[in-house]
Amino acid sequence: SYQAVGAFSPATDWGGMEPEERLGHGLPDMMELKTLLENDLAAG
């Protein structure tokens, strides 16, 4: 869908962080960026 992507100071890792501790509320299920990357590379 996209020719290019820009990530400015991105929050790349949500794992192991309790959202309520830092953000004050819960979050939806977040995608793991490394997993998405691995899937793309494996699929060519």
PDB file of all heavy atoms in Angstrom:
ATOM      1  N   SER A   1       0.804  -1.224   0.000  1.00  0.00           N
ATOM      2  CA  SER A   1       0.000   0.000   0.000  1.00  0.00           C
ATOM      3  C   SER A   1       0.835   1.271   0.000  1.00  0.00           C
ATOM      4  O   SER A   1       0.321   2.341  -0.341  1.00  0.00           O
ATOM      5  CB  SER A   1      -0.926   0.018   1.225  1.00  0.00           C
ATOM      6  OG  SER A   1      -1.875  -1.029   1.158  1.00  0.00           O
ATOM      7  N   TYR A   2       2.104   1.185   0.394  1.00  0.00           N
ATOM      8  CA  TYR A   2       2.910   2.385   0.589  1.00  0.00           C
ATOM      9  C   TYR A   2       4.277   2.231  -0.081  1.00  0.00           C
ATOM     10  O   TYR A   2       4.924   1.197   0.028  1.00  0.00           O
ATOM     11  CB  TYR A   2       3.116   2.653   2.085  1.00  0.00           C
ATOM     12  CG  TYR A   2       1.826   2.698   2.862  1.00  0.00           C
ATOM     13  CD1 TYR A   2       1.408   1.600   3.612  1.00  0.00           C
ATOM     14  CD2 TYR A   2       1.009   3.827   2.833  1.00  0.00           C
ATOM     15  CE1 TYR A   2       0.216   1.631   4.322  1.00  0.00           C
ATOM     16  CE2 TYR A   2      -0.184   3.863   3.535  1.00  0.00           C
ATOM     17  CZ  TYR A   2      -0.577   2.759   4.279  1.00  0.00           C
ATOM     18  OH  TYR A   2      -1.769   2.780   4.968  1.00  0.00           O
ATOM     19  N   GLN A   3       4.697   3.310  -0.717  1.00  0.00           N
ATOM     20  CA  GLN A   3       6.020   3.315  -1.335  1.00  0.00           C
ATOM     21  C   GLN A   3       7.117   3.557  -0.299  1.00  0.00           C
ATOM     22  O   GLN A   3       8.237   3.057  -0.438  1.00  0.00           O
ATOM     23  CB  GLN A   3       6.089   4.397  -2.422  1.00  0.00           C
ATOM     24  CG  GLN A   3       7.395   4.448  -3.188  1.00  0.00           C
ATOM     25  CD  GLN A   3       7.626   3.186  -4.019  1.00  0.00           C
ATOM     26  OE1 GLN A   3       6.687   2.467  -4.338  1.00  0.00           O
ATOM     27  NE2 GLN A   3       8.877   2.931  -4.390  1.00  0.00           N
ATOM     28  N   ALA A   4       6.793   4.330   0.742  1.00  0.00           N
ATOM     29  CA  ALA A   4       7.794   4.643   1.759  1.00  0.00           C
ATOM     30  C   ALA A   4       7.099   4.944   3.075  1.00  0.00           C
ATOM     31  O   ALA A   4       5.926   5.336   3.117  1.00  0.00           O
ATOM     32  CB  ALA A   4       8.647   5.831   1.333  1.00  0.00           C
ATOM     33  N   VAL A   5       7.875   4.761   4.165  1.00  0.00           N
ATOM     34  CA  VAL A   5       7.353   4.996   5.510  1.00  0.00           C
ATOM     35  C   VAL A   5       8.383   5.795   6.303  1.00  0.00           C
ATOM     36  O   VAL A   5       9.587   5.569   6.179  1.00  0.00           O
ATOM     37  CB  VAL A   5       7.031   3.656   6.221  1.00  0.00           C
ATOM     38  CG1 VAL A   5       8.214   2.716   6.224  1.00  0.00           C
ATOM     39  CG2 VAL A   5       6.547   3.894   7.649  1.00  0.00           C
ATOM     40  N   GLY A   6       7.883   6.733   7.112  1.00  0.00           N
ATOM     41  CA  GLY A   6       8.750   7.521   7.982  1.00  0.00           C
ATOM     42  C   GLY A   6       8.390   7.288   9.435  1.00  0.00           C
ATOM     43  O   GLY A   6       7.217   7.389   9.808  1.00  0.00           O
ATOM     44  N   ALA A   7       9.382   6.967  10.253  1.00  0.00           N
ATOM     45  CA  ALA A   7       9.154   6.702  11.676  1.00  0.00           C
ATOM     46  C   ALA A   7      10.027   7.649  12.493  1.00  0.00           C
ATOM     47  O   ALA A   7      11.240   7.480  12.578  1.00  0.00           O
ATOM     48  CB  ALA A   7       9.484   5.251  12.001  1.00  0.00           C
ATOM     49  N   PHE A   8       9.406   8.661  13.079  1.00  0.00           N
ATOM     50  CA  PHE A   8      10.098   9.675  13.853  1.00  0.00           C
ATOM     51  C   PHE A   8      10.019   9.305  15.336  1.00  0.00           C
ATOM     52  O   PHE A   8       8.928   9.300  15.918  1.00  0.00           O
ATOM     53  CB  PHE A   8       9.466  11.053  13.621  1.00  0.00           C
ATOM     54  CG  PHE A   8       9.521  11.523  12.188  1.00  0.00           C
ATOM     55  CD1 PHE A   8       8.654  11.005  11.232  1.00  0.00           C
ATOM     56  CD2 PHE A   8      10.443  12.477  11.795  1.00  0.00           C
ATOM     57  CE1 PHE A   8       8.694  11.439   9.921  1.00  0.00           C
ATOM     58  CE2 PHE A   8      10.498  12.916  10.479  1.00  0.00           C
ATOM     59  CZ  PHE A   8       9.623  12.393   9.536  1.00  0.00           C
ATOM     60  N   SER A   9      11.151   8.983  15.936  1.00  0.00           N
ATOM     61  CA  SER A   9      11.190   8.572  17.345  1.00  0.00           C
ATOM     62  C   SER A   9      10.092   7.553  17.642  1.00  0.00           C
ATOM     63  O   SER A   9       9.298   7.726  18.568  1.00  0.00           O
ATOM     64  CB  SER A   9      11.029   9.789  18.267  1.00  0.00           C
ATOM     65  OG  SER A   9      11.899  10.834  17.912  1.00  0.00           O
ATOM     66  N   PRO A  10      10.036   6.467  16.891  1.00  0.00           N
ATOM     67  CA  PRO A  10       8.894   5.551  16.991  1.00  0.00           C
ATOM     68  C   PRO A  10       8.941   4.686  18.250  1.00  0.00           C
ATOM     69  O   PRO A  10      10.014   4.319  18.731  1.00  0.00           O
ATOM     70  CB  PRO A  10       9.037   4.680  15.740  1.00  0.00           C
ATOM     71  CG  PRO A  10      10.517   4.652  15.487  1.00  0.00           C
ATOM     72  CD  PRO A  10      11.002   6.028  15.854  1.00  0.00           C
ATOM     73  N   ALA A  11       7.762   4.369  18.756  1.00  0.00           N
ATOM     74  CA  ALA A  11       7.635   3.424  19.873  1.00  0.00           C
ATOM     75  C   ALA A  11       7.653   2.024  19.276  1.00  0.00           C
ATOM     76  O   ALA A  11       6.601   1.437  18.994  1.00  0.00           O
ATOM     77  CB  ALA A  11       6.349   3.676  20.650  1.00  0.00           C
ATOM     78  N   THR A  12       8.847   1.481  19.070  1.00  0.00           N
ATOM     79  CA  THR A  12       8.985   0.241  18.298  1.00  0.00           C
ATOM     80  C   THR A  12       8.734  -1.019  19.108  1.00  0.00           C
ATOM     81  O   THR A  12       8.552  -2.084  18.533  1.00  0.00           O
ATOM     82  CB  THR A  12      10.401   0.146  17.695  1.00  0.00           C
ATOM     83  OG1 THR A  12      11.367   0.278  18.743  1.00  0.00           O
ATOM     84  CG2 THR A  12      10.613   1.253  16.662  1.00  0.00           C
ATOM     85  N   ASP A  13       8.747  -0.923  20.438  1.00  0.00           N
ATOM     86  CA  ASP A  13       8.636  -2.127  21.259  1.00  0.00           C
ATOM     87  C   ASP A  13       7.667  -1.889  22.410  1.00  0.00           C
ATOM     88  O   ASP A  13       7.966  -1.163  23.355  1.00  0.00           O
ATOM     89  CB  ASP A  13      10.016  -2.516  21.803  1.00  0.00           C
ATOM     90  CG  ASP A  13       9.997  -3.827  22.584  1.00  0.00           C
ATOM     91  OD1 ASP A  13       8.935  -4.488  22.592  1.00  0.00           O
ATOM     92  OD2 ASP A  13      11.026  -4.177  23.172  1.00  0.00           O
ATOM     93  N   TRP A  14       6.482  -2.539  22.319  1.00  0.00           N
ATOM     94  CA  TRP A  14       5.479  -2.428  23.377  1.00  0.00           C
ATOM     95  C   TRP A  14       5.529  -3.625  24.318  1.00  0.00           C
ATOM     96  O   TRP A  14       4.833  -3.665  25.326  1.00  0.00           O
ATOM     97  CB  TRP A  14       4.076  -2.331  22.773  1.00  0.00           C
ATOM     98  CG  TRP A  14       3.874  -1.120  21.939  1.00  0.00           C
ATOM     99  CD1 TRP A  14       4.136  -0.994  20.605  1.00  0.00           C
ATOM    100  CD2 TRP A  14       3.389   0.157  22.356  1.00  0.00           C
ATOM    101  NE1 TRP A  14       3.834   0.265  20.162  1.00  0.00           N
ATOM    102  CE2 TRP A  14       3.363   0.998  21.223  1.00  0.00           C
ATOM    103  CE3 TRP A  14       2.956   0.668  23.589  1.00  0.00           C
ATOM    104  CZ2 TRP A  14       2.943   2.319  21.276  1.00  0.00           C
ATOM    105  CZ3 TRP A  14       2.522   1.982  23.642  1.00  0.00           C
ATOM    106  CH2 TRP A  14       2.523   2.788  22.498  1.00  0.00           C
ATOM    107  N   GLY A  15       6.337  -4.614  24.000  1.00  0.00           N
ATOM    108  CA  GLY A  15       6.393  -5.817  24.811  1.00  0.00           C
ATOM    109  C   GLY A  15       7.010  -5.562  26.179  1.00  0.00           C
ATOM    110  O   GLY A  15       7.977  -4.816  26.322  1.00  0.00           O
ATOM    111  N   GLY A  16       6.439  -6.171  27.191  1.00  0.00           N
ATOM    112  CA  GLY A  16       6.987  -6.077  28.536  1.00  0.00           C
ATOM    113  C   GLY A  16       6.665  -4.795  29.259  1.00  0.00           C
ATOM    114  O   GLY A  16       7.075  -4.599  30.401  1.00  0.00           O
ATOM    115  N   MET A  17       5.930  -3.878  28.610  1.00  0.00           N
ATOM    116  CA  MET A  17       5.583  -2.623  29.255  1.00  0.00           C
ATOM    117  C   MET A  17       4.132  -2.652  29.676  1.00  0.00           C
ATOM    118  O   MET A  17       3.257  -2.991  28.873  1.00  0.00           O
ATOM    119  CB  MET A  17       5.803  -1.446  28.303  1.00  0.00           C
ATOM    120  CG  MET A  17       5.561  -0.083  28.949  1.00  0.00           C
ATOM    121  SD  MET A  17       5.738   1.292  27.787  1.00  0.00           S
ATOM    122  CE  MET A  17       4.157   1.211  26.931  1.00  0.00           C
ATOM    123  N   GLU A  18       3.868  -2.339  30.906  1.00  0.00           N
ATOM    124  CA  GLU A  18       2.494  -2.225  31.367  1.00  0.00           C
ATOM    125  C   GLU A  18       1.971  -0.855  30.966  1.00  0.00           C
ATOM    126  O   GLU A  18       2.451   0.169  31.474  1.00  0.00           O
ATOM    127  CB  GLU A  18       2.418  -2.394  32.890  1.00  0.00           C
ATOM    128  CG  GLU A  18       2.742  -3.789  33.368  1.00  0.00           C
ATOM    129  CD  GLU A  18       1.729  -4.809  32.880  1.00  0.00           C
ATOM    130  OE1 GLU A  18       0.566  -4.421  32.653  1.00  0.00           O
ATOM    131  OE2 GLU A  18       2.089  -5.982  32.712  1.00  0.00           O
ATOM    132  N   PRO A  19       1.026  -0.774  30.032  1.00  0.00           N
ATOM    133  CA  PRO A  19       0.586   0.529  29.538  1.00  0.00           C
ATOM    134  C   PRO A  19       0.120   1.464  30.645  1.00  0.00           C
ATOM    135  O   PRO A  19       0.374   2.665  30.609  1.00  0.00           O
ATOM    136  CB  PRO A  19      -0.569   0.172  28.593  1.00  0.00           C
ATOM    137  CG  PRO A  19      -0.314  -1.237  28.197  1.00  0.00           C
ATOM    138  CD  PRO A  19       0.325  -1.882  29.397  1.00  0.00           C
ATOM    139  N   GLU A  20      -0.559   0.914  31.664  1.00  0.00           N
ATOM    140  CA  GLU A  20      -1.093   1.772  32.709  1.00  0.00           C
ATOM    141  C   GLU A  20       0.024   2.472  33.478  1.00  0.00           C
ATOM    142  O   GLU A  20      -0.169   3.554  34.010  1.00  0.00           O
ATOM    143  CB  GLU A  20      -1.961   0.947  33.671  1.00  0.00           C
ATOM    144  CG  GLU A  20      -3.246   0.415  33.054  1.00  0.00           C
ATOM    145  CD  GLU A  20      -3.025  -0.847  32.227  1.00  0.00           C
ATOM    146  OE1 GLU A  20      -1.873  -1.291  32.139  1.00  0.00           O
ATOM    147  OE2 GLU A  20      -4.007  -1.373  31.670  1.00  0.00           O
ATOM    148  N   GLU A  21       1.201   1.849  33.550  1.00  0.00           N
ATOM    149  CA  GLU A  21       2.287   2.434  34.322  1.00  0.00           C
ATOM    150  C   GLU A  21       2.809   3.713  33.674  1.00  0.00           C
ATOM    151  O   GLU A  21       3.161   4.668  34.349  1.00  0.00           O
ATOM    152  CB  GLU A  21       3.425   1.429  34.467  1.00  0.00           C
ATOM    153  CG  GLU A  21       3.071   0.209  35.321  1.00  0.00           C
ATOM    154  CD  GLU A  21       4.239  -0.751  35.409  1.00  0.00           C
ATOM    155  OE1 GLU A  21       5.318  -0.429  34.864  1.00  0.00           O
ATOM    156  OE2 GLU A  21       4.074  -1.824  36.024  1.00  0.00           O
ATOM    157  N   ARG A  22       2.875   3.725  32.346  1.00  0.00           N
ATOM    158  CA  ARG A  22       3.443   4.882  31.660  1.00  0.00           C
ATOM    159  C   ARG A  22       2.375   5.768  31.029  1.00  0.00           C
ATOM    160  O   ARG A  22       2.497   6.990  31.022  1.00  0.00           O
ATOM    161  CB  ARG A  22       4.425   4.419  30.576  1.00  0.00           C
ATOM    162  CG  ARG A  22       5.021   5.567  29.768  1.00  0.00           C
ATOM    163  CD  ARG A  22       6.149   5.100  28.897  1.00  0.00           C
ATOM    164  NE  ARG A  22       7.300   4.690  29.705  1.00  0.00           N
ATOM    165  CZ  ARG A  22       8.390   4.144  29.195  1.00  0.00           C
ATOM    166  NH1 ARG A  22       8.481   3.941  27.896  1.00  0.00           N
ATOM    167  NH2 ARG A  22       9.393   3.800  29.973  1.00  0.00           N
ATOM    168  N   LEU A  23       1.329   5.187  30.508  1.00  0.00           N
ATOM    169  CA  LEU A  23       0.368   5.948  29.727  1.00  0.00           C
ATOM    170  C   LEU A  23      -0.916   6.266  30.474  1.00  0.00           C
ATOM    171  O   LEU A  23      -1.700   7.090  30.036  1.00  0.00           O
ATOM    172  CB  LEU A  23       0.031   5.179  28.436  1.00  0.00           C
ATOM    173  CG  LEU A  23       1.234   4.785  27.575  1.00  0.00           C
ATOM    174  CD1 LEU A  23       0.772   4.004  26.361  1.00  0.00           C
ATOM    175  CD2 LEU A  23       2.020   6.011  27.159  1.00  0.00           C
ATOM    176  N   GLY A  24      -1.161   5.595  31.577  1.00  0.00           N
ATOM    177  CA  GLY A  24      -2.338   5.905  32.368  1.00  0.00           C
ATOM    178  C   GLY A  24      -3.607   5.224  31.907  1.00  0.00           C
ATOM    179  O   GLY A  24      -4.695   5.515  32.407  1.00  0.00           O
ATOM    180  N   HIS A  25      -3.519   4.309  30.954  1.00  0.00           N
ATOM    181  CA  HIS A  25      -4.706   3.609  30.462  1.00  0.00           C
ATOM    182  C   HIS A  25      -4.271   2.368  29.698  1.00  0.00           C
ATOM    183  O   HIS A  25      -3.085   2.196  29.388  1.00  0.00           O
ATOM    184  CB  HIS A  25      -5.536   4.514  29.538  1.00  0.00           C
ATOM    185  CG  HIS A  25      -4.757   5.004  28.352  1.00  0.00           C
ATOM    186  ND1 HIS A  25      -4.558   4.248  27.224  1.00  0.00           N
ATOM    187  CD2 HIS A  25      -4.099   6.159  28.137  1.00  0.00           C
ATOM    188  CE1 HIS A  25      -3.830   4.927  26.372  1.00  0.00           C
ATOM    189  NE2 HIS A  25      -3.528   6.082  26.901  1.00  0.00           N
ATOM    190  N   GLY A  26      -5.213   1.525  29.376  1.00  0.00           N
ATOM    191  CA  GLY A  26      -4.914   0.334  28.604  1.00  0.00           C
ATOM    192  C   GLY A  26      -4.813   0.612  27.123  1.00  0.00           C
ATOM    193  O   GLY A  26      -5.181   1.678  26.643  1.00  0.00           O
ATOM    194  N   LEU A  27      -4.305  -0.358  26.390  1.00  0.00           N
ATOM    195  CA  LEU A  27      -4.154  -0.249  24.945  1.00  0.00           C
ATOM    196  C   LEU A  27      -4.770  -1.474  24.287  1.00  0.00           C
ATOM    197  O   LEU A  27      -4.916  -2.525  24.920  1.00  0.00           O
ATOM    198  CB  LEU A  27      -2.677  -0.170  24.558  1.00  0.00           C
ATOM    199  CG  LEU A  27      -1.941   1.131  24.882  1.00  0.00           C
ATOM    200  CD1 LEU A  27      -0.436   0.926  24.724  1.00  0.00           C
ATOM    201  CD2 LEU A  27      -2.413   2.255  23.978  1.00  0.00           C
ATOM    202  N   PRO A  28      -5.122  -1.381  23.002  1.00  0.00           N
ATOM    203  CA  PRO A  28      -5.540  -2.583  22.270  1.00  0.00           C
ATOM    204  C   PRO A  28      -4.367  -3.542  22.136  1.00  0.00           C
ATOM    205  O   PRO A  28      -3.235  -3.225  22.510  1.00  0.00           O
ATOM    206  CB  PRO A  28      -5.968  -2.029  20.900  1.00  0.00           C
ATOM    207  CG  PRO A  28      -6.049  -0.550  21.051  1.00  0.00           C
ATOM    208  CD  PRO A  28      -5.123  -0.176  22.162  1.00  0.00           C
ATOM    209  N   ASP A  29      -4.626  -4.703  21.575  1.00  0.00           N
ATOM    210  CA  ASP A  29      -3.535  -5.619  21.248  1.00  0.00           C
ATOM    211  C   ASP A  29      -2.660  -4.966  20.187  1.00  0.00           C
ATOM    212  O   ASP A  29      -3.136  -4.582  19.121  1.00  0.00           O
ATOM    213  CB  ASP A  29      -4.083  -6.949  20.734  1.00  0.00           C
ATOM    214  CG  ASP A  29      -4.787  -7.743  21.824  1.00  0.00           C
ATOM    215  OD1 ASP A  29      -4.448  -7.539  23.008  1.00  0.00           O
ATOM    216  OD2 ASP A  29      -5.677  -8.550  21.489  1.00  0.00           O
ATOM    217  N   MET A  30      -1.383  -4.840  20.491  1.00  0.00           N
ATOM    218  CA  MET A  30      -0.448  -4.168  19.591  1.00  0.00           C
ATOM    219  C   MET A  30       0.308  -5.201  18.753  1.00  0.00           C
ATOM    220  O   MET A  30       0.703  -6.259  19.256  1.00  0.00           O
ATOM    221  CB  MET A  30       0.534  -3.314  20.397  1.00  0.00           C
ATOM    222  CG  MET A  30      -0.126  -2.345  21.365  1.00  0.00           C
ATOM    223  SD  MET A  30      -1.102  -1.065  20.529  1.00  0.00           S
ATOM    224  CE  MET A  30       0.204   0.056  20.044  1.00  0.00           C
ATOM    225  N   MET A  31       0.525  -4.892  17.487  1.00  0.00           N
ATOM    226  CA  MET A  31       1.289  -5.772  16.614  1.00  0.00           C
ATOM    227  C   MET A  31       2.775  -5.686  16.948  1.00  0.00           C
ATOM    228  O   MET A  31       3.281  -4.617  17.298  1.00  0.00           O
ATOM    229  CB  MET A  31       1.077  -5.378  15.150  1.00  0.00           C
ATOM    230  CG  MET A  31      -0.338  -5.548  14.653  1.00  0.00           C
ATOM    231  SD  MET A  31      -0.497  -4.983  12.940  1.00  0.00           S
ATOM    232  CE  MET A  31      -2.188  -5.491  12.585  1.00  0.00           C
ATOM    233  N   GLU A  32       3.468  -6.807  16.842  1.00  0.00           N
ATOM    234  CA  GLU A  32       4.910  -6.834  17.044  1.00  0.00           C
ATOM    235  C   GLU A  32       5.600  -6.513  15.711  1.00  0.00           C
ATOM    236  O   GLU A  32       5.471  -7.251  14.737  1.00  0.00           O
ATOM    237  CB  GLU A  32       5.350  -8.204  17.547  1.00  0.00           C
ATOM    238  CG  GLU A  32       4.851  -8.542  18.939  1.00  0.00           C
ATOM    239  CD  GLU A  32       5.573  -7.742  20.020  1.00  0.00           C
ATOM    240  OE1 GLU A  32       6.659  -7.184  19.714  1.00  0.00           O
ATOM    241  OE2 GLU A  32       5.042  -7.656  21.143  1.00  0.00           O
ATOM    242  N   LEU A  33       6.339  -5.413  15.684  1.00  0.00           N
ATOM    243  CA  LEU A  33       6.956  -4.978  14.437  1.00  0.00           C
ATOM    244  C   LEU A  33       7.952  -6.000  13.901  1.00  0.00           C
ATOM    245  O   LEU A  33       8.028  -6.237  12.689  1.00  0.00           O
ATOM    246  CB  LEU A  33       7.654  -3.633  14.635  1.00  0.00           C
ATOM    247  CG  LEU A  33       6.744  -2.448  14.986  1.00  0.00           C
ATOM    248  CD1 LEU A  33       7.577  -1.170  15.092  1.00  0.00           C
ATOM    249  CD2 LEU A  33       5.632  -2.270  13.947  1.00  0.00           C
ATOM    250  N   LYS A  34       8.718  -6.628  14.785  1.00  0.00           N
ATOM    251  CA  LYS A  34       9.699  -7.614  14.328  1.00  0.00           C
ATOM    252  C   LYS A  34       9.014  -8.837  13.715  1.00  0.00           C
ATOM    253  O   LYS A  34       9.515  -9.405  12.735  1.00  0.00           O
ATOM    254  CB  LYS A  34      10.612  -8.023  15.483  1.00  0.00           C
ATOM    255  CG  LYS A  34      11.563  -6.923  15.926  1.00  0.00           C
ATOM    256  CD  LYS A  34      12.494  -7.418  17.020  1.00  0.00           C
ATOM    257  CE  LYS A  34      13.453  -6.325  17.466  1.00  0.00           C
ATOM    258  NZ  LYS A  34      14.369  -6.786  18.545  1.00  0.00           N
ATOM    259  N   THR A  35       7.881  -9.207  14.260  1.00  0.00           N
ATOM    260  CA  THR A  35       7.126 -10.331  13.683  1.00  0.00           C
ATOM    261  C   THR A  35       6.603  -9.979  12.306  1.00  0.00           C
ATOM    262  O   THR A  35       6.668 -10.788  11.363  1.00  0.00           O
ATOM    263  CB  THR A  35       5.962 -10.722  14.609  1.00  0.00           C
ATOM    264  OG1 THR A  35       6.479 -11.106  15.884  1.00  0.00           O
ATOM    265  CG2 THR A  35       5.163 -11.879  14.017  1.00  0.00           C
ATOM    266  N   LEU A  36       6.070  -8.758  12.157  1.00  0.00           N
ATOM    267  CA  LEU A  36       5.596  -8.309  10.845  1.00  0.00           C
ATOM    268  C   LEU A  36       6.744  -8.325   9.836  1.00  0.00           C
ATOM    269  O   LEU A  36       6.571  -8.759   8.685  1.00  0.00           O
ATOM    270  CB  LEU A  36       5.000  -6.913  10.942  1.00  0.00           C
ATOM    271  CG  LEU A  36       3.748  -6.750  11.795  1.00  0.00           C
ATOM    272  CD1 LEU A  36       3.334  -5.273  11.842  1.00  0.00           C
ATOM    273  CD2 LEU A  36       2.594  -7.591  11.253  1.00  0.00           C
ATOM    274  N   LEU A  37       7.900  -7.848  10.266  1.00  0.00           N
ATOM    275  CA  LEU A  37       9.065  -7.824   9.386  1.00  0.00           C
ATOM    276  C   LEU A  37       9.471  -9.233   8.974  1.00  0.00           C
ATOM    277  O   LEU A  37       9.718  -9.503   7.788  1.00  0.00           O
ATOM    278  CB  LEU A  37      10.223  -7.124  10.098  1.00  0.00           C
ATOM    279  CG  LEU A  37      11.545  -7.071   9.349  1.00  0.00           C
ATOM    280  CD1 LEU A  37      11.418  -6.239   8.082  1.00  0.00           C
ATOM    281  CD2 LEU A  37      12.651  -6.508  10.253  1.00  0.00           C
ATOM    282  N   GLU A  38       9.532 -10.138   9.937  1.00  0.00           N
ATOM    283  CA  GLU A  38       9.897 -11.520   9.636  1.00  0.00           C
ATOM    284  C   GLU A  38       8.919 -12.150   8.656  1.00  0.00           C
ATOM    285  O   GLU A  38       9.323 -12.873   7.735  1.00  0.00           O
ATOM    286  CB  GLU A  38       9.933 -12.328  10.932  1.00  0.00           C
ATOM    287  CG  GLU A  38      11.079 -11.955  11.865  1.00  0.00           C
ATOM    288  CD  GLU A  38      10.947 -12.615  13.229  1.00  0.00           C
ATOM    289  OE1 GLU A  38       9.968 -13.383  13.411  1.00  0.00           O
ATOM    290  OE2 GLU A  38      11.800 -12.370  14.101  1.00  0.00           O
ATOM    291  N   ASN A  39       7.633 -11.889   8.839  1.00  0.00           N
ATOM    292  CA  ASN A  39       6.620 -12.450   7.939  1.00  0.00           C
ATOM    293  C   ASN A  39       6.787 -11.924   6.520  1.00  0.00           C
ATOM    294  O   ASN A  39       6.655 -12.679   5.543  1.00  0.00           O
ATOM    295  CB  ASN A  39       5.218 -12.127   8.460  1.00  0.00           C
ATOM    296  CG  ASN A  39       4.892 -12.844   9.760  1.00  0.00           C
ATOM    297  OD1 ASN A  39       5.535 -13.831  10.108  1.00  0.00           O
ATOM    298  ND2 ASN A  39       3.902 -12.356  10.481  1.00  0.00           N
ATOM    299  N   ASP A  40       7.063 -10.626   6.388  1.00  0.00           N
ATOM    300  CA  ASP A  40       7.261 -10.041   5.062  1.00  0.00           C
ATOM    301  C   ASP A  40       8.472 -10.656   4.363  1.00  0.00           C
ATOM    302  O   ASP A  40       8.415 -11.006   3.174  1.00  0.00           O
ATOM    303  CB  ASP A  40       7.456  -8.523   5.169  1.00  0.00           C
ATOM    304  CG  ASP A  40       6.182  -7.789   5.511  1.00  0.00           C
ATOM    305  OD1 ASP A  40       5.096  -8.366   5.339  1.00  0.00           O
ATOM    306  OD2 ASP A  40       6.265  -6.629   5.958  1.00  0.00           O
ATOM    307  N   LEU A  41       9.555 -10.776   5.101  1.00  0.00           N
ATOM    308  CA  LEU A  41      10.777 -11.320   4.505  1.00  0.00           C
ATOM    309  C   LEU A  41      10.605 -12.789   4.130  1.00  0.00           C
ATOM    310  O   LEU A  41      11.060 -13.225   3.067  1.00  0.00           O
ATOM    311  CB  LEU A  41      11.947 -11.146   5.472  1.00  0.00           C
ATOM    312  CG  LEU A  41      12.340  -9.695   5.783  1.00  0.00           C
ATOM    313  CD1 LEU A  41      13.429  -9.650   6.846  1.00  0.00           C
ATOM    314  CD2 LEU A  41      12.801  -8.986   4.515  1.00  0.00           C
ATOM    315  N   ALA A  42       9.923 -13.538   4.995  1.00  0.00           N
ATOM    316  CA  ALA A  42       9.701 -14.957   4.700  1.00  0.00           C
ATOM    317  C   ALA A  42       8.822 -15.134   3.467  1.00  0.00           C
ATOM    318  O   ALA A  42       8.983 -16.096   2.713  1.00  0.00           O
ATOM    319  CB  ALA A  42       9.057 -15.640   5.908  1.00  0.00           C
ATOM    320  N   ALA A  43       7.890 -14.203   3.253  1.00  0.00           N
ATOM    321  CA  ALA A  43       6.988 -14.277   2.098  1.00  0.00           C
ATOM    322  C   ALA A  43       7.594 -13.648   0.849  1.00  0.00           C
ATOM    323  O   ALA A  43       6.960 -13.657  -0.216  1.00  0.00           O
ATOM    324  CB  ALA A  43       5.665 -13.595   2.430  1.00  0.00           C
ATOM    325  N   GLY A  44       8.779 -13.089   0.977  1.00  0.00           N
ATOM    326  CA  GLY A  44       9.432 -12.470  -0.168  1.00  0.00           C
ATOM    327  C   GLY A  44       8.786 -11.185  -0.632  1.00  0.00           C
ATOM    328  O   GLY A  44       8.898 -10.807  -1.798  1.00  0.00           O
TER     329      GLY A  44
END
